[in-house]
Protein backbone atom coordinates (compact mmCIF):
# COMPACT_ATOMS: atom_id res chain seq x y z
CA MET A 1 -13.13 4.05 -11.03
CA PRO A 2 -10.15 1.75 -10.28
CA LYS A 3 -10.52 -2.01 -10.41
CA LEU A 4 -11.43 -3.78 -7.19
CA ILE A 5 -7.82 -4.95 -6.88
CA GLU A 6 -5.08 -2.84 -8.42
CA GLY A 7 -1.67 -4.53 -8.52
CA ARG A 8 -0.60 -6.62 -5.54
CA ALA A 9 -3.13 -6.99 -2.72
CA VAL A 10 -2.55 -7.43 0.99
CA LEU A 11 -5.30 -8.47 3.42
CA ILE A 12 -5.18 -6.70 6.79
CA VAL A 13 -7.15 -8.32 9.64
CA ILE A 14 -7.62 -5.72 12.36
CA ASP A 15 -8.10 -6.61 16.03
CA MET A 16 -10.17 -9.77 15.70
CA GLN A 17 -9.78 -10.40 19.41
CA ARG A 18 -11.84 -12.39 21.90
CA GLY A 19 -13.28 -9.21 23.38
CA GLY A 20 -15.46 -8.75 20.31
CA GLY A 21 -17.69 -11.55 21.58
CA MET A 22 -17.69 -10.51 25.23
CA PRO A 23 -20.04 -8.14 27.10
CA LEU A 24 -19.06 -4.50 27.61
CA GLU A 25 -18.58 -5.04 31.34
CA GLN A 26 -15.72 -7.47 30.61
CA THR A 27 -14.04 -5.64 27.75
CA GLY A 28 -14.53 -1.90 28.21
CA ILE A 29 -15.53 -1.50 24.54
CA PRO A 30 -19.10 -1.48 23.14
CA THR A 31 -19.57 -3.65 20.06
CA MET A 32 -22.48 -4.31 17.72
CA ALA A 33 -24.05 -7.75 17.59
CA GLY A 34 -23.06 -10.56 15.23
CA PHE A 35 -19.44 -11.17 16.23
CA GLU A 36 -19.48 -14.95 15.70
CA GLU A 37 -20.90 -14.56 12.20
CA ARG A 38 -18.21 -11.99 11.37
CA VAL A 39 -15.51 -14.36 12.60
CA THR A 40 -16.83 -17.02 10.21
CA ARG A 41 -16.87 -14.59 7.26
CA VAL A 42 -13.39 -13.23 8.05
CA ARG A 43 -12.06 -16.78 8.31
CA LYS A 44 -13.43 -17.55 4.84
CA LEU A 45 -11.79 -14.38 3.53
CA VAL A 46 -8.45 -15.28 5.14
CA ASP A 47 -8.61 -18.83 3.77
CA THR A 48 -9.25 -17.49 0.27
CA ALA A 49 -6.35 -15.03 0.54
CA ARG A 50 -4.05 -17.84 1.64
CA ARG A 51 -5.08 -20.08 -1.26
CA SER A 52 -4.63 -17.16 -3.67
CA GLY A 53 -1.16 -16.27 -2.43
CA VAL A 54 -2.27 -12.91 -1.02
CA PRO A 55 -0.26 -11.95 2.09
CA VAL A 56 -2.24 -11.67 5.33
CA VAL A 57 -1.24 -9.24 8.10
CA PHE A 58 -2.92 -9.65 11.49
CA PHE A 59 -3.14 -6.81 14.00
CA GLN A 60 -3.73 -6.98 17.73
CA GLU A 61 -4.33 -4.01 20.00
CA VAL A 62 -2.36 -4.51 23.22
CA HIS A 63 -1.78 -2.14 26.14
CA ARG A 64 0.72 -2.44 28.97
CA PRO A 65 -0.68 -3.47 32.37
CA ASP A 66 0.34 -0.16 33.95
CA HIS A 67 -1.79 1.70 31.36
CA VAL A 68 1.08 4.02 30.46
CA ASP A 69 0.34 3.78 26.73
CA PHE A 70 -3.40 4.54 26.70
CA GLY A 71 -2.93 8.26 26.18
CA ARG A 72 -6.25 9.91 25.28
CA GLU A 73 -7.95 6.57 24.43
CA LEU A 74 -9.93 6.61 27.67
CA ASP A 75 -11.36 10.11 27.18
CA GLY A 76 -14.37 8.84 25.20
CA GLU A 77 -16.75 5.93 25.74
CA GLU A 78 -14.05 3.24 26.00
CA SER A 79 -12.73 2.20 29.39
CA VAL A 80 -9.60 0.11 30.02
CA HIS A 81 -9.35 -2.59 27.32
CA CYS A 82 -6.95 -4.93 25.52
CA VAL A 83 -4.49 -5.16 28.41
CA ASP A 84 -1.59 -7.52 27.81
CA GLY A 85 -2.44 -10.96 29.20
CA ALA A 86 -6.18 -10.35 29.59
CA PRO A 87 -8.60 -12.84 27.96
CA ASP A 88 -10.28 -10.17 25.78
CA THR A 89 -6.92 -9.22 24.26
CA GLU A 90 -6.20 -12.63 22.72
CA LEU A 91 -6.87 -13.16 19.03
CA VAL A 92 -9.79 -15.48 18.34
CA PRO A 93 -8.47 -19.02 17.75
CA GLU A 94 -9.98 -19.18 14.24
CA LEU A 95 -7.94 -16.15 13.16
CA MET A 96 -4.39 -16.81 14.26
CA PRO A 97 -1.49 -16.18 11.89
CA LEU A 98 0.15 -19.22 10.37
CA PRO A 99 3.95 -19.63 10.31
CA GLY A 100 5.31 -17.15 7.79
CA GLU A 101 2.39 -14.75 8.17
CA TYR A 102 2.62 -11.41 9.94
CA LEU A 103 1.35 -10.33 13.36
CA ILE A 104 1.82 -6.73 14.46
CA GLN A 105 0.81 -5.44 17.87
CA LYS A 106 -0.26 -1.83 18.14
CA ARG A 107 -0.86 0.64 20.95
CA ARG A 108 -3.13 3.04 19.06
CA TYR A 109 -6.06 2.88 16.69
CA SER A 110 -4.44 3.12 13.27
CA CYS A 111 -2.40 0.14 12.11
CA PHE A 112 0.10 2.66 10.70
CA PHE A 113 0.68 4.64 13.90
CA GLY A 114 3.86 3.61 15.73
CA THR A 115 4.21 0.28 13.87
CA ASP A 116 6.39 -1.04 11.06
CA LEU A 117 3.44 -1.59 8.70
CA LEU A 118 4.74 0.80 6.04
CA ILE A 119 8.07 -1.01 5.90
CA LEU A 120 6.27 -4.35 5.58
CA LEU A 121 3.95 -3.08 2.84
CA ARG A 122 6.90 -1.74 0.86
CA GLY A 123 8.59 -5.13 1.12
CA LEU A 124 5.40 -6.84 -0.04
CA ARG A 125 5.05 -4.34 -2.92
CA ALA A 126 1.44 -3.72 -1.89
CA GLU A 127 -0.83 -1.52 -3.96
CA THR A 128 -4.29 -2.50 -2.74
CA LEU A 129 -5.07 -2.96 0.95
CA ILE A 130 -8.13 -4.99 1.92
CA LEU A 131 -9.32 -4.19 5.45
CA CYS A 132 -11.57 -6.16 7.77
CA GLY A 133 -12.03 -6.42 11.52
CA ALA A 134 -12.94 -4.15 14.41
CA LEU A 135 -14.04 -1.57 15.21
CA THR A 136 -15.34 -0.16 11.93
CA ASP A 137 -15.64 3.33 13.39
CA VAL A 138 -12.31 3.31 15.20
CA CYS A 139 -9.35 1.13 14.20
CA VAL A 140 -10.64 0.16 10.75
CA HIS A 141 -11.65 3.74 9.90
CA TYR A 142 -8.39 5.32 11.08
CA THR A 143 -6.34 2.67 9.30
CA PHE A 144 -8.34 3.31 6.12
CA VAL A 145 -7.69 7.05 6.33
CA ASP A 146 -3.94 6.54 6.83
CA ALA A 147 -3.81 4.02 3.97
CA HIS A 148 -5.59 6.53 1.74
CA GLN A 149 -3.15 9.27 2.70
CA HIS A 150 -0.25 6.93 1.88
CA ASP A 151 -1.78 6.50 -1.60
CA TYR A 152 -2.90 2.89 -1.32
CA TYR A 153 -6.00 1.67 -3.07
CA THR A 154 -8.05 0.66 -0.05
CA ARG A 155 -11.09 -1.60 0.22
CA VAL A 156 -13.13 -2.26 3.35
CA VAL A 157 -15.05 -5.54 3.57
CA GLU A 158 -18.21 -4.20 5.14
CA ASP A 159 -19.76 -7.51 6.23
CA CYS A 160 -16.44 -8.52 7.83
CA CYS A 161 -16.32 -5.43 10.06
CA GLY A 162 -18.18 -4.57 13.24
CA GLY A 163 -18.59 -1.16 14.84
CA SER A 164 -19.25 0.09 18.34
CA THR A 165 -22.87 0.51 17.17
CA LEU A 166 -24.63 -0.20 13.90
CA ALA A 167 -25.15 3.53 13.30
CA ARG A 168 -21.45 4.30 13.74
CA HIS A 169 -20.52 1.31 11.59
CA GLU A 170 -22.67 2.62 8.73
CA ALA A 171 -21.46 6.20 9.16
CA SER A 172 -17.82 5.14 8.98
CA LEU A 173 -18.39 3.00 5.91
CA SER A 174 -20.02 5.99 4.25
CA ALA A 175 -17.07 8.21 5.19
CA MET A 176 -14.59 5.70 3.74
CA GLU A 177 -16.56 5.49 0.51
CA TYR A 178 -16.41 9.28 0.35
CA LEU A 179 -12.60 9.10 0.29
CA GLN A 180 -12.39 6.34 -2.33
CA ARG A 181 -15.28 5.46 -4.60
CA GLY A 182 -15.76 1.70 -4.64
CA ALA A 183 -14.08 1.23 -1.26
CA ARG A 184 -17.08 -0.49 0.32
CA ARG A 185 -17.17 -4.13 -0.76
CA SER A 186 -18.84 -7.34 0.35
CA SER A 187 -16.91 -10.46 1.28
CA GLU A 188 -18.45 -12.19 -1.75
CA GLU A 189 -17.02 -9.53 -4.07
CA ILE A 190 -13.58 -9.66 -2.47
CA ILE A 191 -13.46 -13.46 -2.45
CA ALA A 192 -14.45 -13.58 -6.14
CA ALA A 193 -11.75 -11.03 -7.00
CA LEU A 194 -9.07 -12.93 -5.03
CA GLU A 195 -10.02 -16.19 -6.70
CA ALA A 196 -9.96 -14.57 -10.15
CA ALA A 197 -6.53 -13.07 -9.52
């Protein structure tokens, strides 16, 4: 089994937006409980990465107000969400990129789809991607799969992710572990590895 971190690591913070702490009626997306606690854990992870010199890339799902870029996203349980300018679309204040860090907006689930993430990762000489954020069973899962298919060592920080439901969260974590043994990690494990590196 590979080491927890192989080569140069990059932390990817996926869609930690205000909507994660809002009711379904306001956001259009169901989310499991515990958002505030996850924000605190992700913030600790981000702070450790910064101190350790590990690049942090923040992602934000944003859709145009005329809904032209939703595509098939509204065919399932999600209704209109993450519209540009809406309160639920904003990143949580505790998890804003600092000057010199990276913020990429995306229109689809995977952080790789239709963005310049691959170009950025090549420039950063990334080998291991550390994923956290929301939703475990949607944007985190699809980003993990694309990272795997691009041959990155990929770790998912399971206590820093939240799914649409707890059952879907657990199922997606299991599916990611199936693709890469040792992918599922706790924030304590990741923080210890970042500090040791």
